[in-house]
Amino acid sequence: MYDTDKRKLLSALSHGAIFFSTAVVSVGIPIAILFVSDDPVVKENAKESINFHFNVWLYGGILGALFFLFGWLVLPLLLLGPLAGLGYLLHWGLTIWALIGVFSNPDIPFRYPYIFRVF
């Protein structure tokens, strides 16, 4: 049997690492937890967090490239429309949803919707 409080802490730390940094630290913490922990639920949460980070980076890179190429066409729409903060709202909102899921049901690994999983 695994310690529930330790499971909650490590799982929440995996998903909440994005609040520390948006670069290396945010994905480094779940990677470290993946290798250090022997709890299967914590390992699944760490993998899911890593997959979510990769998705955020991929979609951010694609949107950044599209904006670089075609931004001059859509800049007025982005500045005036509600789409300006949608990416950040989804990113932070899904992370908070994961933290709530980890604390409310620590025995089941949280799964982000609509992401592709590398592992």
PDB file of N, CA and C in Angstrom:
ATOM      1  N   MET A   1       0.837  -1.174   0.000  1.00  0.00           N
ATOM      2  CA  MET A   1       0.000   0.000   0.000  1.00  0.00           C
ATOM      3  C   MET A   1       0.892   1.251   0.000  1.00  0.00           C
ATOM      4  N   TYR A   2       0.469   2.246  -0.750  1.00  0.00           N
ATOM      5  CA  TYR A   2       1.241   3.474  -0.880  1.00  0.00           C
ATOM      6  C   TYR A   2       0.643   4.573  -0.008  1.00  0.00           C
ATOM      7  N   ASP A   3       1.495   5.479   0.445  1.00  0.00           N
ATOM      8  CA  ASP A   3       1.078   6.583   1.291  1.00  0.00           C
ATOM      9  C   ASP A   3       0.254   7.577   0.469  1.00  0.00           C
ATOM     10  N   THR A   4      -0.988   7.815   0.875  1.00  0.00           N
ATOM     11  CA  THR A   4      -1.892   8.687   0.130  1.00  0.00           C
ATOM     12  C   THR A   4      -1.411  10.131   0.121  1.00  0.00           C
ATOM     13  N   ASP A   5      -0.905  10.615   1.237  1.00  0.00           N
ATOM     14  CA  ASP A   5      -0.430  11.998   1.284  1.00  0.00           C
ATOM     15  C   ASP A   5       0.785  12.208   0.381  1.00  0.00           C
ATOM     16  N   LYS A   6       1.690  11.242   0.371  1.00  0.00           N
ATOM     17  CA  LYS A   6       2.862  11.328  -0.503  1.00  0.00           C
ATOM     18  C   LYS A   6       2.426  11.250  -1.965  1.00  0.00           C
ATOM     19  N   ARG A   7       1.445  10.406  -2.244  1.00  0.00           N
ATOM     20  CA  ARG A   7       0.921  10.265  -3.605  1.00  0.00           C
ATOM     21  C   ARG A   7       0.313  11.583  -4.071  1.00  0.00           C
ATOM     22  N   LYS A   8      -0.483  12.218  -3.211  1.00  0.00           N
ATOM     23  CA  LYS A   8      -1.093  13.505  -3.560  1.00  0.00           C
ATOM     24  C   LYS A   8      -0.029  14.561  -3.814  1.00  0.00           C
ATOM     25  N   LEU A   9       0.951  14.621  -2.925  1.00  0.00           N
ATOM     26  CA  LEU A   9       1.996  15.634  -3.035  1.00  0.00           C
ATOM     27  C   LEU A   9       2.799  15.483  -4.328  1.00  0.00           C
ATOM     28  N   LEU A  10       3.280  14.272  -4.594  1.00  0.00           N
ATOM     29  CA  LEU A  10       4.111  14.066  -5.787  1.00  0.00           C
ATOM     30  C   LEU A  10       3.303  14.216  -7.071  1.00  0.00           C
ATOM     31  N   SER A  11       2.065  13.750  -7.063  1.00  0.00           N
ATOM     32  CA  SER A  11       1.220  13.903  -8.250  1.00  0.00           C
ATOM     33  C   SER A  11       0.909  15.374  -8.504  1.00  0.00           C
ATOM     34  N   ALA A  12       0.578  16.104  -7.434  1.00  0.00           N
ATOM     35  CA  ALA A  12       0.295  17.534  -7.581  1.00  0.00           C
ATOM     36  C   ALA A  12       1.544  18.298  -8.014  1.00  0.00           C
ATOM     37  N   LEU A  13       2.688  17.910  -7.491  1.00  0.00           N
ATOM     38  CA  LEU A  13       3.938  18.552  -7.891  1.00  0.00           C
ATOM     39  C   LEU A  13       4.234  18.299  -9.371  1.00  0.00           C
ATOM     40  N   SER A  14       3.921  17.113  -9.850  1.00  0.00           N
ATOM     41  CA  SER A  14       4.118  16.807 -11.275  1.00  0.00           C
ATOM     42  C   SER A  14       3.275  17.725 -12.148  1.00  0.00           C
ATOM     43  N   HIS A  15       1.992  17.823 -11.824  1.00  0.00           N
ATOM     44  CA  HIS A  15       1.099  18.642 -12.648  1.00  0.00           C
ATOM     45  C   HIS A  15       1.304  20.136 -12.402  1.00  0.00           C
ATOM     46  N   GLY A  16       1.595  20.518 -11.175  1.00  0.00           N
ATOM     47  CA  GLY A  16       1.725  21.925 -10.834  1.00  0.00           C
ATOM     48  C   GLY A  16       3.090  22.525 -11.113  1.00  0.00           C
ATOM     49  N   ALA A  17       4.010  21.732 -11.633  1.00  0.00           N
ATOM     50  CA  ALA A  17       5.360  22.236 -11.912  1.00  0.00           C
ATOM     51  C   ALA A  17       5.349  23.387 -12.906  1.00  0.00           C
ATOM     52  N   ILE A  18       4.317  23.479 -13.729  1.00  0.00           N
ATOM     53  CA  ILE A  18       4.235  24.542 -14.713  1.00  0.00           C
ATOM     54  C   ILE A  18       4.140  25.913 -14.043  1.00  0.00           C
ATOM     55  N   PHE A  19       3.698  25.953 -12.789  1.00  0.00           N
ATOM     56  CA  PHE A  19       3.601  27.224 -12.080  1.00  0.00           C
ATOM     57  C   PHE A  19       4.966  27.742 -11.634  1.00  0.00           C
ATOM     58  N   PHE A  20       5.983  26.877 -11.615  1.00  0.00           N
ATOM     59  CA  PHE A  20       7.333  27.307 -11.248  1.00  0.00           C
ATOM     60  C   PHE A  20       8.052  27.954 -12.409  1.00  0.00           C
ATOM     61  N   SER A  21       7.846  27.426 -13.599  1.00  0.00           N
ATOM     62  CA  SER A  21       8.545  27.901 -14.780  1.00  0.00           C
ATOM     63  C   SER A  21       7.834  27.338 -15.996  1.00  0.00           C
ATOM     64  N   THR A  22       8.037  27.932 -17.139  1.00  0.00           N
ATOM     65  CA  THR A  22       7.443  27.389 -18.350  1.00  0.00           C
ATOM     66  C   THR A  22       8.482  26.708 -19.236  1.00  0.00           C
ATOM     67  N   ALA A  23       9.670  26.519 -18.731  1.00  0.00           N
ATOM     68  CA  ALA A  23      10.724  25.933 -19.556  1.00  0.00           C
ATOM     69  C   ALA A  23      11.220  24.627 -18.953  1.00  0.00           C
ATOM     70  N   VAL A  24      12.483  24.556 -18.708  1.00  0.00           N
ATOM     71  CA  VAL A  24      13.137  23.316 -18.306  1.00  0.00           C
ATOM     72  C   VAL A  24      12.659  22.812 -16.945  1.00  0.00           C
ATOM     73  N   VAL A  25      12.473  23.705 -15.999  1.00  0.00           N
ATOM     74  CA  VAL A  25      12.084  23.296 -14.654  1.00  0.00           C
ATOM     75  C   VAL A  25      10.714  22.628 -14.663  1.00  0.00           C
ATOM     76  N   SER A  26       9.806  23.171 -15.462  1.00  0.00           N
ATOM     77  CA  SER A  26       8.444  22.644 -15.463  1.00  0.00           C
ATOM     78  C   SER A  26       8.363  21.206 -15.948  1.00  0.00           C
ATOM     79  N   VAL A  27       9.220  20.813 -16.839  1.00  0.00           N
ATOM     80  CA  VAL A  27       9.217  19.424 -17.302  1.00  0.00           C
ATOM     81  C   VAL A  27      10.265  18.602 -16.567  1.00  0.00           C
ATOM     82  N   GLY A  28      11.259  19.257 -15.995  1.00  0.00           N
ATOM     83  CA  GLY A  28      12.295  18.541 -15.245  1.00  0.00           C
ATOM     84  C   GLY A  28      11.773  17.932 -13.957  1.00  0.00           C
ATOM     85  N   ILE A  29      10.857  18.625 -13.295  1.00  0.00           N
ATOM     86  CA  ILE A  29      10.300  18.100 -12.048  1.00  0.00           C
ATOM     87  C   ILE A  29       9.533  16.803 -12.289  1.00  0.00           C
ATOM     88  N   PRO A  30       8.599  16.743 -13.250  1.00  0.00           N
ATOM     89  CA  PRO A  30       7.920  15.457 -13.486  1.00  0.00           C
ATOM     90  C   PRO A  30       8.861  14.346 -13.951  1.00  0.00           C
ATOM     91  N   ILE A  31       9.895  14.699 -14.705  1.00  0.00           N
ATOM     92  CA  ILE A  31      10.859  13.677 -15.138  1.00  0.00           C
ATOM     93  C   ILE A  31      11.591  13.120 -13.925  1.00  0.00           C
ATOM     94  N   ALA A  32      12.011  13.996 -13.011  1.00  0.00           N
ATOM     95  CA  ALA A  32      12.692  13.535 -11.798  1.00  0.00           C
ATOM     96  C   ALA A  32      11.764  12.664 -10.955  1.00  0.00           C
ATOM     97  N   ILE A  33      10.513  13.083 -10.817  1.00  0.00           N
ATOM     98  CA  ILE A  33       9.551  12.297 -10.038  1.00  0.00           C
ATOM     99  C   ILE A  33       9.309  10.942 -10.697  1.00  0.00           C
ATOM    100  N   LEU A  34       9.283  10.901 -12.008  1.00  0.00           N
ATOM    101  CA  LEU A  34       9.093   9.643 -12.733  1.00  0.00           C
ATOM    102  C   LEU A  34      10.192   8.647 -12.390  1.00  0.00           C
ATOM    103  N   PHE A  35      11.411   9.117 -12.276  1.00  0.00           N
ATOM    104  CA  PHE A  35      12.526   8.208 -11.992  1.00  0.00           C
ATOM    105  C   PHE A  35      12.701   7.902 -10.509  1.00  0.00           C
ATOM    106  N   VAL A  36      12.248   8.798  -9.638  1.00  0.00           N
ATOM    107  CA  VAL A  36      12.460   8.620  -8.206  1.00  0.00           C
ATOM    108  C   VAL A  36      11.354   7.789  -7.548  1.00  0.00           C
ATOM    109  N   SER A  37      10.131   7.988  -7.963  1.00  0.00           N
ATOM    110  CA  SER A  37       8.995   7.351  -7.294  1.00  0.00           C
ATOM    111  C   SER A  37       8.810   5.906  -7.754  1.00  0.00           C
ATOM    112  N   ASP A  38       8.321   5.083  -6.842  1.00  0.00           N
ATOM    113  CA  ASP A  38       7.980   3.709  -7.198  1.00  0.00           C
ATOM    114  C   ASP A  38       6.463   3.489  -7.188  1.00  0.00           C
ATOM    115  N   ASP A  39       5.698   4.543  -6.898  1.00  0.00           N
ATOM    116  CA  ASP A  39       4.235   4.480  -6.877  1.00  0.00           C
ATOM    117  C   ASP A  39       3.710   4.525  -8.318  1.00  0.00           C
ATOM    118  N   PRO A  40       2.936   3.531  -8.750  1.00  0.00           N
ATOM    119  CA  PRO A  40       2.454   3.512 -10.135  1.00  0.00           C
ATOM    120  C   PRO A  40       1.530   4.676 -10.484  1.00  0.00           C
ATOM    121  N   VAL A  41       0.733   5.157  -9.540  1.00  0.00           N
ATOM    122  CA  VAL A  41      -0.157   6.286  -9.816  1.00  0.00           C
ATOM    123  C   VAL A  41       0.668   7.560  -9.993  1.00  0.00           C
ATOM    124  N   VAL A  42       1.660   7.753  -9.169  1.00  0.00           N
ATOM    125  CA  VAL A  42       2.536   8.925  -9.288  1.00  0.00           C
ATOM    126  C   VAL A  42       3.284   8.880 -10.616  1.00  0.00           C
ATOM    127  N   LYS A  43       3.760   7.718 -11.006  1.00  0.00           N
ATOM    128  CA  LYS A  43       4.467   7.588 -12.283  1.00  0.00           C
ATOM    129  C   LYS A  43       3.544   7.938 -13.454  1.00  0.00           C
ATOM    130  N   GLU A  44       2.295   7.478 -13.409  1.00  0.00           N
ATOM    131  CA  GLU A  44       1.343   7.798 -14.480  1.00  0.00           C
ATOM    132  C   GLU A  44       1.037   9.292 -14.520  1.00  0.00           C
ATOM    133  N   ASN A  45       0.890   9.911 -13.348  1.00  0.00           N
ATOM    134  CA  ASN A  45       0.665  11.356 -13.309  1.00  0.00           C
ATOM    135  C   ASN A  45       1.870  12.117 -13.842  1.00  0.00           C
ATOM    136  N   ALA A  46       3.073  11.666 -13.534  1.00  0.00           N
ATOM    137  CA  ALA A  46       4.282  12.320 -14.051  1.00  0.00           C
ATOM    138  C   ALA A  46       4.352  12.185 -15.573  1.00  0.00           C
ATOM    139  N   LYS A  47       4.051  11.004 -16.094  1.00  0.00           N
ATOM    140  CA  LYS A  47       4.051  10.811 -17.554  1.00  0.00           C
ATOM    141  C   LYS A  47       3.009  11.701 -18.226  1.00  0.00           C
ATOM    142  N   GLU A  48       1.834  11.775 -17.620  1.00  0.00           N
ATOM    143  CA  GLU A  48       0.773  12.602 -18.196  1.00  0.00           C
ATOM    144  C   GLU A  48       1.157  14.075 -18.183  1.00  0.00           C
ATOM    145  N   SER A  49       1.804  14.512 -17.127  1.00  0.00           N
ATOM    146  CA  SER A  49       2.261  15.891 -17.044  1.00  0.00           C
ATOM    147  C   SER A  49       3.315  16.188 -18.118  1.00  0.00           C
ATOM    148  N   ILE A  50       4.236  15.266 -18.309  1.00  0.00           N
ATOM    149  CA  ILE A  50       5.263  15.437 -19.356  1.00  0.00           C
ATOM    150  C   ILE A  50       4.601  15.512 -20.731  1.00  0.00           C
ATOM    151  N   ASN A  51       3.648  14.626 -20.981  1.00  0.00           N
ATOM    152  CA  ASN A  51       2.929  14.655 -22.254  1.00  0.00           C
ATOM    153  C   ASN A  51       2.194  15.980 -22.452  1.00  0.00           C
ATOM    154  N   PHE A  52       1.580  16.486 -21.389  1.00  0.00           N
ATOM    155  CA  PHE A  52       0.872  17.770 -21.484  1.00  0.00           C
ATOM    156  C   PHE A  52       1.849  18.902 -21.802  1.00  0.00           C
ATOM    157  N   HIS A  53       3.018  18.894 -21.152  1.00  0.00           N
ATOM    158  CA  HIS A  53       4.024  19.923 -21.436  1.00  0.00           C
ATOM    159  C   HIS A  53       4.455  19.868 -22.903  1.00  0.00           C
ATOM    160  N   PHE A  54       4.697  18.674 -23.416  1.00  0.00           N
ATOM    161  CA  PHE A  54       5.095  18.541 -24.820  1.00  0.00           C
ATOM    162  C   PHE A  54       4.004  19.052 -25.754  1.00  0.00           C
ATOM    163  N   ASN A  55       2.747  18.782 -25.419  1.00  0.00           N
ATOM    164  CA  ASN A  55       1.642  19.275 -26.225  1.00  0.00           C
ATOM    165  C   ASN A  55       1.592  20.791 -26.210  1.00  0.00           C
ATOM    166  N   VAL A  56       1.737  21.387 -25.033  1.00  0.00           N
ATOM    167  CA  VAL A  56       1.709  22.845 -24.924  1.00  0.00           C
ATOM    168  C   VAL A  56       2.848  23.451 -25.742  1.00  0.00           C
ATOM    169  N   TRP A  57       4.033  22.876 -25.639  1.00  0.00           N
ATOM    170  CA  TRP A  57       5.170  23.392 -26.404  1.00  0.00           C
ATOM    171  C   TRP A  57       4.951  23.230 -27.906  1.00  0.00           C
ATOM    172  N   LEU A  58       4.435  22.083 -28.319  1.00  0.00           N
ATOM    173  CA  LEU A  58       4.191  21.847 -29.738  1.00  0.00           C
ATOM    174  C   LEU A  58       3.168  22.830 -30.291  1.00  0.00           C
ATOM    175  N   TYR A  59       2.016  22.937 -29.612  1.00  0.00           N
ATOM    176  CA  TYR A  59       0.976  23.843 -30.101  1.00  0.00           C
ATOM    177  C   TYR A  59       1.432  25.296 -30.029  1.00  0.00           C
ATOM    178  N   GLY A  60       2.198  25.649 -29.014  1.00  0.00           N
ATOM    179  CA  GLY A  60       2.750  26.998 -28.937  1.00  0.00           C
ATOM    180  C   GLY A  60       3.709  27.278 -30.080  1.00  0.00           C
ATOM    181  N   GLY A  61       4.540  26.288 -30.419  1.00  0.00           N
ATOM    182  CA  GLY A  61       5.459  26.446 -31.545  1.00  0.00           C
ATOM    183  C   GLY A  61       4.730  26.578 -32.872  1.00  0.00           C
ATOM    184  N   ILE A  62       3.695  25.772 -33.057  1.00  0.00           N
ATOM    185  CA  ILE A  62       2.915  25.843 -34.298  1.00  0.00           C
ATOM    186  C   ILE A  62       2.214  27.195 -34.399  1.00  0.00           C
ATOM    187  N   LEU A  63       1.574  27.614 -33.311  1.00  0.00           N
ATOM    188  CA  LEU A  63       0.888  28.907 -33.341  1.00  0.00           C
ATOM    189  C   LEU A  63       1.875  30.058 -33.501  1.00  0.00           C
ATOM    190  N   GLY A  64       3.048  29.938 -32.873  1.00  0.00           N
ATOM    191  CA  GLY A  64       4.068  30.963 -33.034  1.00  0.00           C
ATOM    192  C   GLY A  64       4.548  31.065 -34.474  1.00  0.00           C
ATOM    193  N   ALA A  65       4.759  29.913 -35.111  1.00  0.00           N
ATOM    194  CA  ALA A  65       5.193  29.911 -36.510  1.00  0.00           C
ATOM    195  C   ALA A  65       4.115  30.478 -37.423  1.00  0.00           C
ATOM    196  N   LEU A  66       2.864  30.097 -37.171  1.00  0.00           N
ATOM    197  CA  LEU A  66       1.768  30.632 -37.986  1.00  0.00           C
ATOM    198  C   LEU A  66       1.630  32.137 -37.792  1.00  0.00           C
ATOM    199  N   PHE A  67       1.783  32.580 -36.558  1.00  0.00           N
ATOM    200  CA  PHE A  67       1.703  34.013 -36.312  1.00  0.00           C
ATOM    201  C   PHE A  67       2.866  34.742 -36.982  1.00  0.00           C
ATOM    202  N   PHE A  68       4.041  34.132 -36.967  1.00  0.00           N
ATOM    203  CA  PHE A  68       5.206  34.737 -37.616  1.00  0.00           C
ATOM    204  C   PHE A  68       4.969  34.863 -39.124  1.00  0.00           C
ATOM    205  N   LEU A  69       4.364  33.820 -39.714  1.00  0.00           N
ATOM    206  CA  LEU A  69       4.132  33.819 -41.156  1.00  0.00           C
ATOM    207  C   LEU A  69       2.933  34.668 -41.573  1.00  0.00           C
ATOM    208  N   PHE A  70       1.841  34.579 -40.796  1.00  0.00           N
ATOM    209  CA  PHE A  70       0.596  35.207 -41.213  1.00  0.00           C
ATOM    210  C   PHE A  70       0.044  36.207 -40.199  1.00  0.00           C
ATOM    211  N   GLY A  71       0.831  36.560 -39.227  1.00  0.00           N
ATOM    212  CA  GLY A  71       0.363  37.419 -38.152  1.00  0.00           C
ATOM    213  C   GLY A  71      -0.124  38.774 -38.593  1.00  0.00           C
ATOM    214  N   TRP A  72       0.483  39.295 -39.618  1.00  0.00           N
ATOM    215  CA  TRP A  72       0.081  40.610 -40.095  1.00  0.00           C
ATOM    216  C   TRP A  72      -1.346  40.596 -40.625  1.00  0.00           C
ATOM    217  N   LEU A  73      -1.850  39.396 -40.983  1.00  0.00           N
ATOM    218  CA  LEU A  73      -3.233  39.288 -41.456  1.00  0.00           C
ATOM    219  C   LEU A  73      -4.232  39.195 -40.306  1.00  0.00           C
ATOM    220  N   VAL A  74      -3.832  38.531 -39.236  1.00  0.00           N
ATOM    221  CA  VAL A  74      -4.770  38.269 -38.146  1.00  0.00           C
ATOM    222  C   VAL A  74      -4.509  39.107 -36.901  1.00  0.00           C
ATOM    223  N   LEU A  75      -3.510  39.962 -36.919  1.00  0.00           N
ATOM    224  CA  LEU A  75      -3.186  40.761 -35.737  1.00  0.00           C
ATOM    225  C   LEU A  75      -4.374  41.593 -35.254  1.00  0.00           C
ATOM    226  N   PRO A  76      -5.098  42.262 -36.131  1.00  0.00           N
ATOM    227  CA  PRO A  76      -6.255  43.025 -35.629  1.00  0.00           C
ATOM    228  C   PRO A  76      -7.309  42.128 -34.971  1.00  0.00           C
ATOM    229  N   LEU A  77      -7.518  40.959 -35.487  1.00  0.00           N
ATOM    230  CA  LEU A  77      -8.501  40.041 -34.891  1.00  0.00           C
ATOM    231  C   LEU A  77      -8.058  39.551 -33.526  1.00  0.00           C
ATOM    232  N   LEU A  78      -6.762  39.256 -33.397  1.00  0.00           N
ATOM    233  CA  LEU A  78      -6.251  38.767 -32.116  1.00  0.00           C
ATOM    234  C   LEU A  78      -6.285  39.840 -31.038  1.00  0.00           C
ATOM    235  N   LEU A  79      -5.988  41.058 -31.434  1.00  0.00           N
ATOM    236  CA  LEU A  79      -5.964  42.135 -30.449  1.00  0.00           C
ATOM    237  C   LEU A  79      -7.365  42.536 -30.002  1.00  0.00           C
ATOM    238  N   LEU A  80      -8.317  42.392 -30.880  1.00  0.00           N
ATOM    239  CA  LEU A  80      -9.666  42.831 -30.557  1.00  0.00           C
ATOM    240  C   LEU A  80     -10.588  41.686 -30.131  1.00  0.00           C
ATOM    241  N   GLY A  81     -10.253  40.473 -30.492  1.00  0.00           N
ATOM    242  CA  GLY A  81     -11.150  39.363 -30.244  1.00  0.00           C
ATOM    243  C   GLY A  81     -10.870  38.609 -28.965  1.00  0.00           C
ATOM    244  N   PRO A  82     -11.775  37.724 -28.608  1.00  0.00           N
ATOM    245  CA  PRO A  82     -11.613  36.944 -27.372  1.00  0.00           C
ATOM    246  C   PRO A  82     -10.574  35.832 -27.490  1.00  0.00           C
ATOM    247  N   LEU A  83     -10.022  35.626 -28.659  1.00  0.00           N
ATOM    248  CA  LEU A  83      -9.048  34.557 -28.845  1.00  0.00           C
ATOM    249  C   LEU A  83      -7.673  34.904 -28.290  1.00  0.00           C
ATOM    250  N   ALA A  84      -7.472  36.138 -27.894  1.00  0.00           N
ATOM    251  CA  ALA A  84      -6.150  36.586 -27.443  1.00  0.00           C
ATOM    252  C   ALA A  84      -5.627  35.770 -26.272  1.00  0.00           C
ATOM    253  N   GLY A  85      -6.453  35.462 -25.314  1.00  0.00           N
ATOM    254  CA  GLY A  85      -6.002  34.735 -24.137  1.00  0.00           C
ATOM    255  C   GLY A  85      -6.509  33.310 -24.033  1.00  0.00           C
ATOM    256  N   LEU A  86      -7.096  32.785 -25.081  1.00  0.00           N
ATOM    257  CA  LEU A  86      -7.682  31.442 -25.029  1.00  0.00           C
ATOM    258  C   LEU A  86      -6.641  30.364 -24.750  1.00  0.00           C
ATOM    259  N   GLY A  87      -5.469  30.488 -25.354  1.00  0.00           N
ATOM    260  CA  GLY A  87      -4.414  29.487 -25.131  1.00  0.00           C
ATOM    261  C   GLY A  87      -3.962  29.461 -23.684  1.00  0.00           C
ATOM    262  N   TYR A  88      -3.755  30.635 -23.116  1.00  0.00           N
ATOM    263  CA  TYR A  88      -3.344  30.692 -21.708  1.00  0.00           C
ATOM    264  C   TYR A  88      -4.450  30.190 -20.796  1.00  0.00           C
ATOM    265  N   LEU A  89      -5.671  30.535 -21.101  1.00  0.00           N
ATOM    266  CA  LEU A  89      -6.803  30.093 -20.296  1.00  0.00           C
ATOM    267  C   LEU A  89      -6.914  28.565 -20.310  1.00  0.00           C
ATOM    268  N   LEU A  90      -6.755  27.965 -21.469  1.00  0.00           N
ATOM    269  CA  LEU A  90      -6.793  26.505 -21.559  1.00  0.00           C
ATOM    270  C   LEU A  90      -5.623  25.870 -20.819  1.00  0.00           C
ATOM    271  N   HIS A  91      -4.451  26.419 -21.010  1.00  0.00           N
ATOM    272  CA  HIS A  91      -3.250  25.867 -20.382  1.00  0.00           C
ATOM    273  C   HIS A  91      -3.362  25.898 -18.865  1.00  0.00           C
ATOM    274  N   TRP A  92      -3.640  27.053 -18.297  1.00  0.00           N
ATOM    275  CA  TRP A  92      -3.744  27.195 -16.843  1.00  0.00           C
ATOM    276  C   TRP A  92      -4.982  26.484 -16.319  1.00  0.00           C
ATOM    277  N   GLY A  93      -6.074  26.559 -17.058  1.00  0.00           N
ATOM    278  CA  GLY A  93      -7.308  25.908 -16.626  1.00  0.00           C
ATOM    279  C   GLY A  93      -7.168  24.395 -16.550  1.00  0.00           C
ATOM    280  N   LEU A  94      -6.540  23.798 -17.550  1.00  0.00           N
ATOM    281  CA  LEU A  94      -6.343  22.347 -17.535  1.00  0.00           C
ATOM    282  C   LEU A  94      -5.389  21.929 -16.424  1.00  0.00           C
ATOM    283  N   THR A  95      -4.395  22.753 -16.147  1.00  0.00           N
ATOM    284  CA  THR A  95      -3.466  22.447 -15.056  1.00  0.00           C
ATOM    285  C   THR A  95      -4.188  22.497 -13.709  1.00  0.00           C
ATOM    286  N   ILE A  96      -5.005  23.498 -13.511  1.00  0.00           N
ATOM    287  CA  ILE A  96      -5.770  23.591 -12.262  1.00  0.00           C
ATOM    288  C   ILE A  96      -6.754  22.431 -12.154  1.00  0.00           C
ATOM    289  N   TRP A  97      -7.368  22.052 -13.263  1.00  0.00           N
ATOM    290  CA  TRP A  97      -8.282  20.909 -13.278  1.00  0.00           C
ATOM    291  C   TRP A  97      -7.536  19.633 -12.874  1.00  0.00           C
ATOM    292  N   ALA A  98      -6.313  19.478 -13.357  1.00  0.00           N
ATOM    293  CA  ALA A  98      -5.504  18.308 -12.992  1.00  0.00           C
ATOM    294  C   ALA A  98      -5.201  18.308 -11.495  1.00  0.00           C
ATOM    295  N   LEU A  99      -4.858  19.459 -10.953  1.00  0.00           N
ATOM    296  CA  LEU A  99      -4.567  19.538  -9.514  1.00  0.00           C
ATOM    297  C   LEU A  99      -5.802  19.193  -8.682  1.00  0.00           C
ATOM    298  N   ILE A 100      -6.949  19.682  -9.087  1.00  0.00           N
ATOM    299  CA  ILE A 100      -8.191  19.345  -8.381  1.00  0.00           C
ATOM    300  C   ILE A 100      -8.459  17.846  -8.484  1.00  0.00           C
ATOM    301  N   GLY A 101      -8.237  17.270  -9.663  1.00  0.00           N
ATOM    302  CA  GLY A 101      -8.441  15.833  -9.845  1.00  0.00           C
ATOM    303  C   GLY A 101      -7.513  14.987  -9.004  1.00  0.00           C
ATOM    304  N   VAL A 102      -6.274  15.422  -8.875  1.00  0.00           N
ATOM    305  CA  VAL A 102      -5.288  14.689  -8.075  1.00  0.00           C
ATOM    306  C   VAL A 102      -5.652  14.718  -6.595  1.00  0.00           C
ATOM    307  N   PHE A 103      -6.100  15.867  -6.126  1.00  0.00           N
ATOM    308  CA  PHE A 103      -6.445  15.974  -4.708  1.00  0.00           C
ATOM    309  C   PHE A 103      -7.784  15.313  -4.379  1.00  0.00           C
ATOM    310  N   SER A 104      -8.720  15.340  -5.316  1.00  0.00           N
ATOM    311  CA  SER A 104     -10.033  14.769  -5.024  1.00  0.00           C
ATOM    312  C   SER A 104     -10.053  13.249  -5.157  1.00  0.00           C
ATOM    313  N   ASN A 105      -9.240  12.710  -6.029  1.00  0.00           N
ATOM    314  CA  ASN A 105      -9.200  11.260  -6.200  1.00  0.00           C
ATOM    315  C   ASN A 105      -7.749  10.825  -6.438  1.00  0.00           C
ATOM    316  N   PRO A 106      -6.967  10.683  -5.365  1.00  0.00           N
ATOM    317  CA  PRO A 106      -5.530  10.417  -5.525  1.00  0.00           C
ATOM    318  C   PRO A 106      -5.194   9.006  -6.002  1.00  0.00           C
ATOM    319  N   ASP A 107      -6.149   8.105  -6.022  1.00  0.00           N
ATOM    320  CA  ASP A 107      -5.860   6.721  -6.418  1.00  0.00           C
ATOM    321  C   ASP A 107      -5.998   6.477  -7.917  1.00  0.00           C
ATOM    322  N   ILE A 108      -6.468   7.474  -8.650  1.00  0.00           N
ATOM    323  CA  ILE A 108      -6.636   7.336 -10.098  1.00  0.00           C
ATOM    324  C   ILE A 108      -5.783   8.401 -10.778  1.00  0.00           C
ATOM    325  N   PRO A 109      -4.913   8.020 -11.714  1.00  0.00           N
ATOM    326  CA  PRO A 109      -4.096   9.017 -12.426  1.00  0.00           C
ATOM    327  C   PRO A 109      -4.983   9.948 -13.258  1.00  0.00           C
ATOM    328  N   PHE A 110      -4.643  11.214 -13.266  1.00  0.00           N
ATOM    329  CA  PHE A 110      -5.400  12.193 -14.051  1.00  0.00           C
ATOM    330  C   PHE A 110      -5.005  12.076 -15.517  1.00  0.00           C
ATOM    331  N   ARG A 111      -5.982  12.205 -16.409  1.00  0.00           N
ATOM    332  CA  ARG A 111      -5.735  12.177 -17.850  1.00  0.00           C
ATOM    333  C   ARG A 111      -6.246  13.474 -18.464  1.00  0.00           C
ATOM    334  N   TYR A 112      -5.355  14.189 -19.147  1.00  0.00           N
ATOM    335  CA  TYR A 112      -5.764  15.407 -19.839  1.00  0.00           C
ATOM    336  C   TYR A 112      -6.551  15.023 -21.086  1.00  0.00           C
ATOM    337  N   PRO A 113      -7.624  15.750 -21.377  1.00  0.00           N
ATOM    338  CA  PRO A 113      -8.371  15.451 -22.599  1.00  0.00           C
ATOM    339  C   PRO A 113      -7.699  16.064 -23.826  1.00  0.00           C
ATOM    340  N   TYR A 114      -7.873  15.432 -24.949  1.00  0.00           N
ATOM    341  CA  TYR A 114      -7.482  15.978 -26.252  1.00  0.00           C
ATOM    342  C   TYR A 114      -5.989  16.249 -26.402  1.00  0.00           C
ATOM    343  N   ILE A 115      -5.141  15.419 -25.823  1.00  0.00           N
ATOM    344  CA  ILE A 115      -3.705  15.551 -26.061  1.00  0.00           C
ATOM    345  C   ILE A 115      -3.200  14.244 -26.664  1.00  0.00           C
ATOM    346  N   PHE A 116      -2.115  14.330 -27.382  1.00  0.00           N
ATOM    347  CA  PHE A 116      -1.482  13.095 -27.836  1.00  0.00           C
ATOM    348  C   PHE A 116      -0.422  12.727 -26.795  1.00  0.00           C
ATOM    349  N   ARG A 117      -0.225  11.446 -26.647  1.00  0.00           N
ATOM    350  CA  ARG A 117       0.693  10.959 -25.617  1.00  0.00           C
ATOM    351  C   ARG A 117       1.924  10.340 -26.282  1.00  0.00           C
ATOM    352  N   VAL A 118       3.090  10.860 -25.882  1.00  0.00           N
ATOM    353  CA  VAL A 118       4.348  10.333 -26.381  1.00  0.00           C
ATOM    354  C   VAL A 118       4.674   9.008 -25.693  1.00  0.00           C
ATOM    355  N   PHE A 119       4.383   8.964 -24.401  1.00  0.00           N
ATOM    356  CA  PHE A 119       4.558   7.733 -23.627  1.00  0.00           C
ATOM    357  C   PHE A 119       3.616   7.688 -22.472  1.00  0.00           C
TER     358      PHE A 119
END
